[in-house]
Amino acid sequence: MRISLLFNLFAALLISLFILPNQAKSQFYFGANEQLFVTDVNGLNPTLFLDVEIGGLAIDTTRGILFYVDDTLIDGRIQKILIDGTGQEELLRDTDLSLNAMAPVGLELDEQNMVVYIADQLNDGRILTVNYDGSNPAILIAGEPDGV
């Protein structure tokens, strides 16, 4: 049990380590057991932040917005929430682009232009984009038989 917990924490460190230096206090976000937690940088006072299965995560530290792939449902939706826990909003789902299905596995941000890039593993792999406000969803790179 203890080894399993340590392994989950180590995996969380490798996958989802975000420290927000521009905030009043620095915070550390990590995923474990299909939940997202936030804690002080020293690891004390962990608190449940989101009770969803996270498939990908990116944080705009300047604006204090956390973007994530919600894998709780079968269609893998892109969501956003402010780091204070307010303003949760859906940005993209597979029906927004008339997609048969979408399985997002990673997110990257263009903070200057306020665009979210999404790596989608279905349909031979492709790159999708959507603006921070949910507008202009698009397929940037269509999948290739050998992947993107």
Protein backbone atom coordinates (compact mmCIF):
# COMPACT_ATOMS: atom_id res chain seq x y z
CA MET A 1 0.00 0.00 0.00
CA ARG A 2 2.74 2.45 0.97
CA ILE A 3 4.77 1.60 -2.14
CA SER A 4 1.68 2.11 -4.31
CA LEU A 5 1.04 5.53 -2.75
CA LEU A 6 4.68 6.55 -3.24
CA PHE A 7 4.56 5.36 -6.85
CA ASN A 8 1.37 7.39 -7.50
CA LEU A 9 2.93 10.50 -6.00
CA PHE A 10 6.14 10.01 -8.02
CA ALA A 11 4.11 9.50 -11.22
CA ALA A 12 2.12 12.64 -10.39
CA LEU A 13 5.34 14.61 -10.01
CA LEU A 14 6.53 13.47 -13.42
CA ILE A 15 3.23 14.12 -15.17
CA SER A 16 1.66 17.18 -13.57
CA LEU A 17 4.07 19.45 -11.73
CA PHE A 18 3.02 23.07 -11.91
CA ILE A 19 4.28 25.79 -9.63
CA LEU A 20 2.67 29.21 -9.88
CA PRO A 21 5.37 31.77 -9.04
CA ASN A 22 3.31 34.90 -9.76
CA GLN A 23 0.67 34.17 -7.15
CA ALA A 24 0.62 35.39 -3.54
CA LYS A 25 1.82 31.94 -2.53
CA SER A 26 3.33 29.30 -4.78
CA GLN A 27 1.25 26.18 -5.27
CA PHE A 28 1.87 22.68 -6.57
CA TYR A 29 -0.79 20.81 -8.59
CA PHE A 30 -0.68 17.02 -8.92
CA GLY A 31 -3.00 14.23 -10.01
CA ALA A 32 -3.60 11.00 -8.14
CA ASN A 33 -6.41 8.43 -8.05
CA GLU A 34 -8.42 10.23 -10.74
CA GLN A 35 -8.39 13.50 -8.80
CA LEU A 36 -6.43 16.74 -8.96
CA PHE A 37 -4.91 18.12 -5.76
CA VAL A 38 -3.26 21.42 -4.89
CA THR A 39 -0.75 21.93 -2.11
CA ASP A 40 1.84 24.37 -0.88
CA VAL A 41 5.21 23.98 -2.61
CA ASN A 42 6.57 22.36 0.55
CA GLY A 43 4.00 19.56 0.13
CA LEU A 44 1.99 20.47 3.20
CA ASN A 45 -1.77 20.98 3.27
CA PRO A 46 -2.85 19.02 0.17
CA THR A 47 -6.42 19.85 -0.83
CA LEU A 48 -8.73 18.26 -3.39
CA PHE A 49 -9.04 20.74 -6.27
CA LEU A 50 -11.03 18.74 -8.86
CA ASP A 51 -12.72 15.37 -8.52
CA VAL A 52 -12.36 14.33 -12.16
CA GLU A 53 -10.08 12.03 -14.13
CA ILE A 54 -7.46 14.32 -15.67
CA GLY A 55 -6.02 13.30 -19.05
CA GLY A 56 -3.88 16.37 -19.68
CA LEU A 57 -3.13 19.63 -17.90
CA ALA A 58 -1.72 23.07 -18.71
CA ILE A 59 -1.67 26.26 -16.64
CA ASP A 60 -1.48 29.86 -17.80
CA THR A 61 0.40 31.19 -14.78
CA THR A 62 0.01 34.83 -15.84
CA ARG A 63 -3.79 34.71 -15.97
CA GLY A 64 -4.25 32.01 -13.33
CA ILE A 65 -6.21 29.64 -15.58
CA LEU A 66 -5.91 25.86 -15.44
CA PHE A 67 -6.86 23.94 -18.61
CA TYR A 68 -7.46 20.20 -18.43
CA VAL A 69 -8.75 17.18 -20.30
CA ASP A 70 -11.74 15.75 -18.45
CA ASP A 71 -11.52 11.99 -19.03
CA THR A 72 -14.41 11.27 -16.68
CA LEU A 73 -16.76 10.96 -19.64
CA ILE A 74 -16.05 8.85 -22.69
CA ASP A 75 -15.60 11.80 -25.09
CA GLY A 76 -12.68 13.57 -23.34
CA ARG A 77 -13.72 17.20 -23.06
CA ILE A 78 -11.43 20.21 -22.72
CA GLN A 79 -12.30 22.30 -19.66
CA LYS A 80 -10.88 25.34 -17.90
CA ILE A 81 -11.08 26.66 -14.35
CA LEU A 82 -9.47 29.55 -12.52
CA ILE A 83 -6.83 28.50 -10.00
CA ASP A 84 -9.01 29.83 -7.18
CA GLY A 85 -11.54 27.11 -8.11
CA THR A 86 -14.12 29.39 -9.74
CA GLY A 87 -15.23 29.89 -13.33
CA GLN A 88 -15.27 26.28 -14.48
CA GLU A 89 -16.20 26.15 -18.17
CA GLU A 90 -16.20 23.66 -21.04
CA LEU A 91 -14.12 24.76 -24.03
CA LEU A 92 -14.33 21.90 -26.50
CA ARG A 93 -16.04 18.55 -27.04
CA ASP A 94 -16.08 16.25 -30.03
CA THR A 95 -19.41 17.60 -31.36
CA ASP A 96 -17.91 21.11 -31.71
CA LEU A 97 -15.96 20.09 -34.82
CA SER A 98 -18.35 17.44 -36.12
CA LEU A 99 -15.80 14.88 -35.00
CA ASN A 100 -16.73 11.24 -34.73
CA ALA A 101 -14.77 11.04 -31.52
CA MET A 102 -11.96 12.84 -29.75
CA ALA A 103 -9.40 11.41 -27.33
CA PRO A 104 -7.22 14.31 -26.19
CA VAL A 105 -4.00 13.27 -24.49
CA GLY A 106 -2.08 16.50 -24.08
CA LEU A 107 -2.44 20.27 -23.94
CA GLU A 108 -0.10 23.13 -24.72
CA LEU A 109 -0.78 26.86 -24.42
CA ASP A 110 0.11 29.86 -26.55
CA GLU A 111 -0.32 32.34 -23.72
CA GLN A 112 0.41 35.40 -25.85
CA ASN A 113 -2.34 34.61 -28.39
CA MET A 114 -4.58 32.83 -25.83
CA VAL A 115 -4.85 29.58 -27.82
CA VAL A 116 -5.01 26.01 -26.49
CA TYR A 117 -3.37 23.28 -28.60
CA ILE A 118 -4.73 19.77 -28.13
CA ALA A 119 -3.02 16.50 -29.08
CA ASP A 120 -5.75 14.07 -30.15
CA GLN A 121 -4.80 10.40 -30.38
CA LEU A 122 -7.80 9.30 -32.46
CA ASN A 123 -8.25 9.56 -36.24
CA ASP A 124 -4.55 8.77 -36.86
CA GLY A 125 -3.53 11.58 -34.54
CA ARG A 126 -4.12 15.27 -35.09
CA ILE A 127 -3.63 18.66 -33.48
CA LEU A 128 -6.70 20.70 -32.56
CA THR A 129 -6.91 24.31 -31.41
CA VAL A 130 -9.43 26.43 -29.55
CA ASN A 131 -9.22 29.95 -28.13
CA TYR A 132 -9.23 30.49 -24.37
CA ASP A 133 -12.86 31.64 -24.57
CA GLY A 134 -13.95 28.51 -26.49
CA SER A 135 -14.24 30.27 -29.84
CA ASN A 136 -12.72 29.18 -33.15
CA PRO A 137 -12.31 25.43 -32.59
CA ALA A 138 -10.30 24.01 -35.49
CA ILE A 139 -8.32 21.04 -36.73
CA LEU A 140 -4.83 22.52 -37.19
CA ILE A 141 -3.15 19.34 -38.41
CA ALA A 142 -5.20 16.45 -39.74
CA GLY A 143 -4.07 12.96 -38.82
CA GLU A 144 -1.77 10.93 -41.02
CA PRO A 145 -1.75 7.14 -41.29
CA ASP A 146 1.63 7.11 -39.47
CA GLY A 147 0.51 9.67 -36.86
CA VAL A 148 1.31 13.35 -36.50
